[in-house]
Protein backbone atom coordinates (compact mmCIF):
# COMPACT_ATOMS: atom_id res chain seq x y z
CA MET A 1 -3.74 -27.99 -3.69
CA PRO A 2 -4.48 -26.83 -7.28
CA ILE A 3 -5.51 -23.23 -7.82
CA ASN A 4 -9.08 -22.67 -8.99
CA THR A 5 -8.11 -21.27 -12.37
CA LEU A 6 -11.64 -20.17 -13.28
CA GLN A 7 -11.93 -18.11 -10.10
CA THR A 8 -8.43 -16.72 -10.61
CA ALA A 9 -9.26 -15.68 -14.16
CA THR A 10 -12.42 -13.91 -12.97
CA ILE A 11 -10.48 -11.99 -10.31
CA PHE A 12 -7.83 -11.00 -12.86
CA MET A 13 -10.47 -9.86 -15.32
CA GLN A 14 -12.15 -7.58 -12.79
CA GLN A 15 -8.87 -6.11 -11.56
CA LEU A 16 -7.42 -5.58 -15.03
CA ASP A 17 -10.59 -3.87 -16.25
CA LEU A 18 -10.31 -1.53 -13.26
CA VAL A 19 -6.62 -0.89 -13.97
CA ALA A 20 -7.38 -0.13 -17.62
CA ILE A 21 -10.04 2.46 -16.79
CA GLN A 22 -8.12 4.11 -13.95
CA SER A 23 -4.76 4.17 -15.75
CA ALA A 24 -6.01 5.26 -19.16
CA LEU A 25 -5.85 9.01 -19.67
CA THR A 26 -9.07 8.62 -21.67
CA GLY A 27 -10.72 6.50 -18.98
CA TRP A 28 -13.21 9.31 -18.29
CA MET A 29 -14.84 8.51 -21.65
CA ASP A 30 -16.06 5.12 -20.40
CA ALA A 31 -18.57 6.86 -18.14
CA ASN A 32 -20.60 7.82 -21.23
CA ALA A 33 -21.31 4.17 -21.99
CA GLY A 34 -23.81 3.89 -19.14
CA GLN A 35 -26.83 3.49 -21.45
CA VAL A 36 -25.06 1.28 -23.97
CA LYS A 37 -26.31 -2.29 -24.06
CA TYR A 38 -23.51 -4.85 -23.96
CA ASN A 39 -24.09 -8.58 -23.69
CA GLY A 40 -20.59 -9.85 -24.39
CA GLY A 41 -18.74 -10.30 -27.64
CA ALA A 42 -17.91 -7.45 -29.97
CA GLU A 43 -21.31 -5.82 -30.53
CA VAL A 44 -22.92 -3.02 -28.55
CA LYS A 45 -26.23 -1.18 -28.92
CA ILE A 46 -26.10 2.61 -28.60
CA PRO A 47 -29.31 4.57 -27.89
CA LYS A 48 -30.25 7.33 -30.32
CA MET A 49 -33.01 9.78 -29.47
CA ALA A 50 -34.63 12.33 -31.77
CA LEU A 51 -36.98 15.07 -30.51
CA GLN A 52 -38.87 17.97 -32.04
CA GLY A 53 -38.66 21.64 -31.14
CA MET A 54 -41.17 23.89 -29.39
CA ALA A 55 -44.50 24.68 -31.05
CA ASN A 56 -47.25 27.22 -30.40
CA TYR A 57 -49.80 26.57 -27.67
CA ASP A 58 -53.39 27.01 -28.81
CA ARG A 59 -55.89 28.09 -26.12
CA ASN A 60 -58.68 26.15 -27.80
CA ASN A 61 -56.86 23.03 -29.03
CA GLY A 62 -54.11 22.92 -26.44
CA TYR A 63 -50.73 21.46 -27.19
CA THR A 64 -49.28 20.63 -30.59
CA LYS A 65 -48.34 16.98 -30.56
CA GLY A 66 -44.64 16.16 -30.68
CA ALA A 67 -42.74 12.98 -31.34
CA ILE A 68 -39.95 11.15 -29.56
CA ALA A 69 -38.02 8.57 -31.53
CA LEU A 70 -35.80 6.20 -29.54
CA GLU A 71 -33.91 3.43 -31.23
CA TYR A 72 -30.79 1.41 -30.56
CA GLU A 73 -28.11 1.41 -33.20
CA THR A 74 -25.90 -1.65 -33.30
CA ARG A 75 -22.19 -0.91 -33.50
CA LYS A 76 -19.29 -3.31 -33.52
CA MET A 77 -16.10 -2.90 -31.56
CA THR A 78 -13.47 -2.98 -34.28
CA GLN A 79 -10.49 -3.30 -31.95
CA ASP A 80 -10.00 -6.97 -31.09
CA ARG A 81 -6.54 -7.37 -29.59
CA GLY A 82 -4.82 -9.93 -27.41
CA ARG A 83 -1.72 -11.86 -26.40
CA LEU A 84 -0.82 -15.28 -25.02
CA PHE A 85 1.67 -15.40 -22.14
CA THR A 86 3.38 -18.37 -20.52
CA LEU A 87 5.00 -18.58 -17.08
CA ASP A 88 7.32 -21.59 -16.86
CA ALA A 89 6.44 -24.07 -14.13
CA MET A 90 10.05 -24.01 -12.90
CA ASP A 91 9.88 -20.23 -12.41
CA VAL A 92 6.59 -20.06 -10.55
CA ASP A 93 4.68 -22.58 -8.43
CA GLU A 94 1.07 -22.72 -7.28
CA THR A 95 1.74 -20.66 -4.17
CA ASN A 96 3.14 -17.61 -5.91
CA PHE A 97 1.47 -17.86 -9.30
CA VAL A 98 -1.24 -15.34 -8.45
CA ALA A 99 1.24 -12.71 -7.22
CA THR A 100 3.61 -13.19 -10.16
CA ALA A 101 0.87 -13.27 -12.79
CA SER A 102 -0.89 -10.26 -11.28
CA ARG A 103 2.31 -8.24 -11.40
CA ALA A 104 3.07 -9.31 -14.97
CA MET A 105 -0.42 -8.68 -16.33
CA GLY A 106 -0.71 -5.40 -14.45
CA GLU A 107 2.51 -4.19 -16.07
CA PHE A 108 1.31 -5.40 -19.46
CA THR A 109 -1.93 -3.46 -19.04
CA ARG A 110 -0.20 -0.24 -17.98
CA GLU A 111 2.70 -0.35 -20.43
CA PHE A 112 1.01 -1.65 -23.56
CA VAL A 113 -2.79 -1.97 -23.32
CA VAL A 114 -3.60 1.44 -21.85
CA PRO A 115 -1.37 3.54 -24.17
CA GLU A 116 -2.79 1.78 -27.23
CA ILE A 117 -6.38 2.35 -26.11
CA ASP A 118 -5.60 6.02 -25.41
CA ALA A 119 -3.87 6.51 -28.75
CA TYR A 120 -6.69 4.85 -30.68
CA ARG A 121 -9.41 6.90 -28.99
CA LEU A 122 -7.59 10.20 -29.37
CA SER A 123 -6.78 9.48 -33.02
CA LYS A 124 -10.49 9.07 -33.73
CA LEU A 125 -11.27 12.36 -32.00
CA ILE A 126 -8.49 14.21 -33.83
CA SER A 127 -9.42 12.81 -37.24
CA THR A 128 -13.10 13.61 -36.63
CA ALA A 129 -12.26 17.27 -35.93
CA MET A 130 -10.00 17.39 -39.00
CA ASP A 131 -12.72 15.97 -41.23
CA PHE A 132 -15.61 18.08 -39.93
CA GLU A 133 -16.67 20.62 -42.58
CA ASP A 134 -13.26 20.59 -44.24
CA GLY A 135 -11.35 21.26 -41.05
CA LYS A 136 -13.53 23.99 -39.59
CA ASN A 137 -12.64 22.86 -36.06
CA ALA A 138 -8.94 22.25 -36.71
CA VAL A 139 -5.99 24.62 -36.51
CA TYR A 140 -2.81 23.53 -38.31
CA GLY A 141 0.85 24.42 -38.06
CA TYR A 142 0.91 25.87 -34.56
CA VAL A 143 4.07 25.46 -32.46
CA PRO A 144 3.17 26.10 -28.81
CA GLU A 145 4.73 29.23 -27.35
CA GLU A 146 4.25 31.15 -24.15
CA LYS A 147 2.92 34.33 -25.77
CA THR A 148 0.08 32.73 -27.71
CA ILE A 149 -0.82 29.39 -26.10
CA LEU A 150 -3.55 30.76 -23.82
CA LYS A 151 -5.21 32.59 -26.71
CA GLU A 152 -5.17 29.42 -28.83
CA ILE A 153 -6.83 27.42 -26.07
CA LYS A 154 -9.48 30.07 -25.47
CA LYS A 155 -10.21 30.17 -29.22
CA GLY A 156 -10.90 26.46 -29.10
CA ILE A 157 -13.13 26.74 -26.05
CA ALA A 158 -15.07 29.57 -27.72
CA ALA A 159 -15.55 27.50 -30.87
CA ILE A 160 -17.12 24.64 -28.89
CA ARG A 161 -19.27 27.02 -26.85
CA ASP A 162 -20.48 28.75 -30.01
CA ALA A 163 -21.52 25.35 -31.36
CA GLY A 164 -23.96 25.13 -28.44
CA TYR A 165 -22.08 23.03 -25.89
CA ASN A 166 -22.35 24.72 -22.51
CA GLY A 167 -21.52 21.76 -20.30
CA LYS A 168 -18.19 20.55 -18.99
CA LEU A 169 -15.33 20.54 -21.49
CA ILE A 170 -12.20 18.38 -21.27
CA ILE A 171 -8.78 19.29 -22.72
CA HIS A 172 -6.13 16.72 -23.66
CA MET A 173 -2.80 18.51 -24.00
CA THR A 174 0.78 17.48 -24.71
CA SER A 175 3.50 18.12 -22.16
CA ALA A 176 5.16 20.66 -24.45
CA ALA A 177 1.98 22.70 -24.83
CA LYS A 178 1.21 22.46 -21.11
CA LEU A 179 4.70 23.73 -20.26
CA GLU A 180 4.16 26.84 -22.38
CA LEU A 181 0.78 27.39 -20.74
CA GLU A 182 2.34 27.12 -17.28
CA MET A 183 4.95 29.68 -18.30
CA ALA A 184 2.23 31.99 -19.59
CA LEU A 185 0.23 31.65 -16.38
CA SER A 186 3.16 31.43 -14.00
CA GLY A 187 1.70 31.36 -10.49
CA LYS A 188 -1.80 32.03 -11.79
CA ILE A 189 -2.95 28.72 -13.27
CA THR A 190 -6.05 27.36 -11.56
CA SER A 191 -6.98 23.77 -10.77
CA VAL A 192 -10.21 21.78 -10.64
CA SER A 193 -11.25 18.39 -9.30
CA PHE A 194 -11.40 15.68 -11.95
CA SER A 195 -12.85 12.19 -11.43
CA GLN A 196 -11.89 9.10 -13.37
CA GLY A 197 -12.57 5.47 -12.53
CA GLY A 198 -13.73 6.43 -9.05
CA ILE A 199 -10.55 8.38 -8.27
CA ASP A 200 -10.65 12.16 -7.73
CA THR A 201 -7.57 14.22 -8.57
CA GLU A 202 -6.68 17.90 -8.87
CA VAL A 203 -5.66 18.94 -12.39
CA PRO A 204 -4.83 22.33 -13.95
CA ALA A 205 -7.62 24.12 -15.82
CA VAL A 206 -8.39 26.98 -18.19
CA ASP A 207 -11.83 28.57 -17.80
CA LYS A 208 -12.66 25.67 -15.45
CA CYS A 209 -11.95 23.14 -18.22
CA PRO A 210 -9.69 20.39 -16.79
CA ILE A 211 -6.43 19.75 -18.63
CA ILE A 212 -5.22 16.16 -18.93
CA GLU A 213 -1.51 16.05 -19.70
CA THR A 214 -1.07 13.50 -22.48
CA PRO A 215 2.15 12.10 -23.99
CA GLN A 216 2.85 13.21 -27.55
CA ASN A 217 2.94 9.59 -28.73
CA ARG A 218 -0.77 9.25 -27.93
CA MET A 219 -1.77 12.45 -29.76
CA TYR A 220 -1.66 11.30 -33.38
CA SER A 221 -4.42 11.70 -35.96
CA ALA A 222 -3.86 8.07 -37.01
CA ILE A 223 -1.99 5.05 -35.67
CA THR A 224 -0.78 1.81 -37.22
CA LEU A 225 -1.44 -1.32 -35.19
CA TYR A 226 1.16 -4.09 -35.31
CA ASP A 227 -0.24 -7.60 -35.67
CA GLY A 228 2.51 -9.26 -33.60
CA GLU A 229 3.40 -11.77 -36.31
CA SER A 230 4.51 -10.04 -39.51
CA GLU A 231 8.18 -9.24 -40.03
CA GLY A 232 9.02 -6.08 -38.16
CA GLN A 233 5.76 -6.21 -36.19
CA GLU A 234 6.63 -8.99 -33.74
CA GLU A 235 6.67 -6.60 -30.77
CA GLY A 236 3.01 -5.73 -31.31
CA GLY A 237 1.52 -2.48 -30.06
CA TYR A 238 1.15 0.62 -32.22
CA VAL A 239 3.17 3.33 -33.97
CA LYS A 240 2.37 6.69 -35.50
CA GLY A 241 0.50 6.38 -38.80
CA SER A 242 2.55 7.10 -41.91
CA THR A 243 0.58 10.25 -42.77
CA ALA A 244 -0.55 11.15 -39.25
CA LYS A 245 -0.48 14.64 -37.78
CA GLU A 246 0.61 15.45 -34.22
CA ALA A 247 -1.84 17.39 -32.07
CA ASN A 248 -0.99 19.98 -29.42
CA PHE A 249 -4.36 19.78 -27.70
CA ILE A 250 -7.91 18.53 -28.13
CA ILE A 251 -10.99 20.17 -26.61
CA LEU A 252 -14.34 18.40 -26.40
CA PRO A 253 -17.43 18.13 -24.19
CA GLN A 254 -17.38 15.41 -21.57
CA ILE A 255 -20.56 13.94 -23.07
CA THR A 256 -19.24 13.60 -26.65
CA PRO A 257 -17.26 10.33 -26.83
CA ILE A 258 -18.87 6.97 -26.16
CA ALA A 259 -16.06 4.61 -25.30
CA ILE A 260 -16.08 0.98 -24.25
CA THR A 261 -13.26 -1.34 -23.32
CA LYS A 262 -14.09 -4.90 -22.32
CA GLN A 263 -11.78 -7.73 -21.47
CA ASP A 264 -13.08 -11.02 -22.79
CA VAL A 265 -13.08 -14.01 -20.45
CA MET A 266 -9.45 -14.42 -19.49
CA ARG A 267 -8.37 -18.03 -19.72
CA ILE A 268 -5.72 -19.48 -17.43
CA PHE A 269 -4.37 -22.99 -17.85
CA ASP A 270 -2.24 -24.70 -15.20
CA PRO A 271 0.90 -26.64 -16.24
CA LEU A 272 -0.94 -29.98 -16.21
CA THR A 273 -3.72 -28.69 -18.50
CA ASN A 274 -1.47 -26.69 -20.82
CA GLN A 275 -0.61 -28.96 -23.74
CA LYS A 276 1.92 -26.60 -25.35
CA ALA A 277 4.43 -26.16 -22.55
CA ASN A 278 5.15 -27.06 -18.95
CA GLY A 279 3.95 -23.75 -17.64
CA TRP A 280 1.02 -21.56 -16.76
CA GLN A 281 -0.68 -20.11 -19.85
CA MET A 282 -2.68 -16.88 -19.79
CA ASP A 283 -4.81 -15.84 -22.76
CA TYR A 284 -5.51 -12.09 -22.70
CA ARG A 285 -8.05 -10.58 -25.08
CA ARG A 286 -9.61 -7.11 -25.13
CA PHE A 287 -12.37 -5.52 -27.20
CA HIS A 288 -12.58 -1.76 -27.33
CA ASP A 289 -13.78 1.12 -29.48
CA LEU A 290 -14.98 4.70 -29.45
CA TRP A 291 -17.94 6.29 -31.23
CA ILE A 292 -19.07 9.86 -31.81
CA LEU A 293 -22.74 10.27 -32.64
CA ASP A 294 -23.58 12.19 -35.81
CA ASN A 295 -25.10 15.15 -33.96
CA LYS A 296 -21.90 15.65 -31.94
CA GLN A 297 -19.41 15.67 -34.80
CA ASN A 298 -19.12 19.46 -34.45
CA SER A 299 -18.17 19.33 -30.77
CA ILE A 300 -14.47 18.45 -31.13
CA TYR A 301 -11.73 21.04 -31.61
CA VAL A 302 -8.10 20.20 -32.32
CA ASN A 303 -4.92 22.26 -32.51
CA LEU A 304 -2.20 20.57 -34.59
CA LYS A 305 1.56 21.06 -34.63
CA ASP A 306 1.88 19.87 -38.23
CA ALA A 307 0.92 21.93 -41.28
CA LYS A 308 -2.10 21.04 -43.36
CA ASP A 309 -1.48 18.93 -46.44
CA GLU A 310 -1.71 20.85 -49.67
């Protein structure tokens, strides 16, 4: 009996979206998209609210009138990525297609999709901090070491607090920097509960700010995306940008980044429908992007291993 390919595609889409959010080290950023309007495609509408400050109260005339301006700003997801995969009909039949395809697409999501989404998001955060007021919130040329790592982290936390952000802060940190921190706080490092994609975990913390250990190859100030077709780019994915800097850690409020990742309708064609080959064809496509509102540009702090360009 033929598999209902439309139903299968829908199940895959839901599961792979869940995998992407839970597996991504930046998956916590998707929670900030709760008020974003998304109706499919590449465009989203982000709410922007402007208020006025306190005014004097007059005992005769009462309150001074204030204004609230709420508008939705249309943004476009610039990251439109995808791949076409084929499972040969001789290698998989109708009875085990779902299991085989699920395993293959799950691995694809974890090994390639999630790291690229992480690297793209973090590169935008790093570059934003580097560009803010000529690098006011960026420290360059620091090689993590046991004696100074805690002080460097606390300097970053203080900078964000002084900018007026008193809520929860998140720290993305490389393994090398985290190792030095663990040596500095041997037996004394604290932990906090951190929730992402509906899963609660215990992670290390400094001043109650959770630390997310992040691979160095996702902590670049810029990445180059391979198109999958050009010579030398057939493997797809991403690499470090030619002029990119490597970050040791990033500190930012939990409310700062607005991130969205959406898988477009996944299409699955059975061997009889597929006109290109005698096999199952799966078309995978994902839109994603990250935005930082203008009034939160000052809320990101980055510590970089590389020296500043002269």
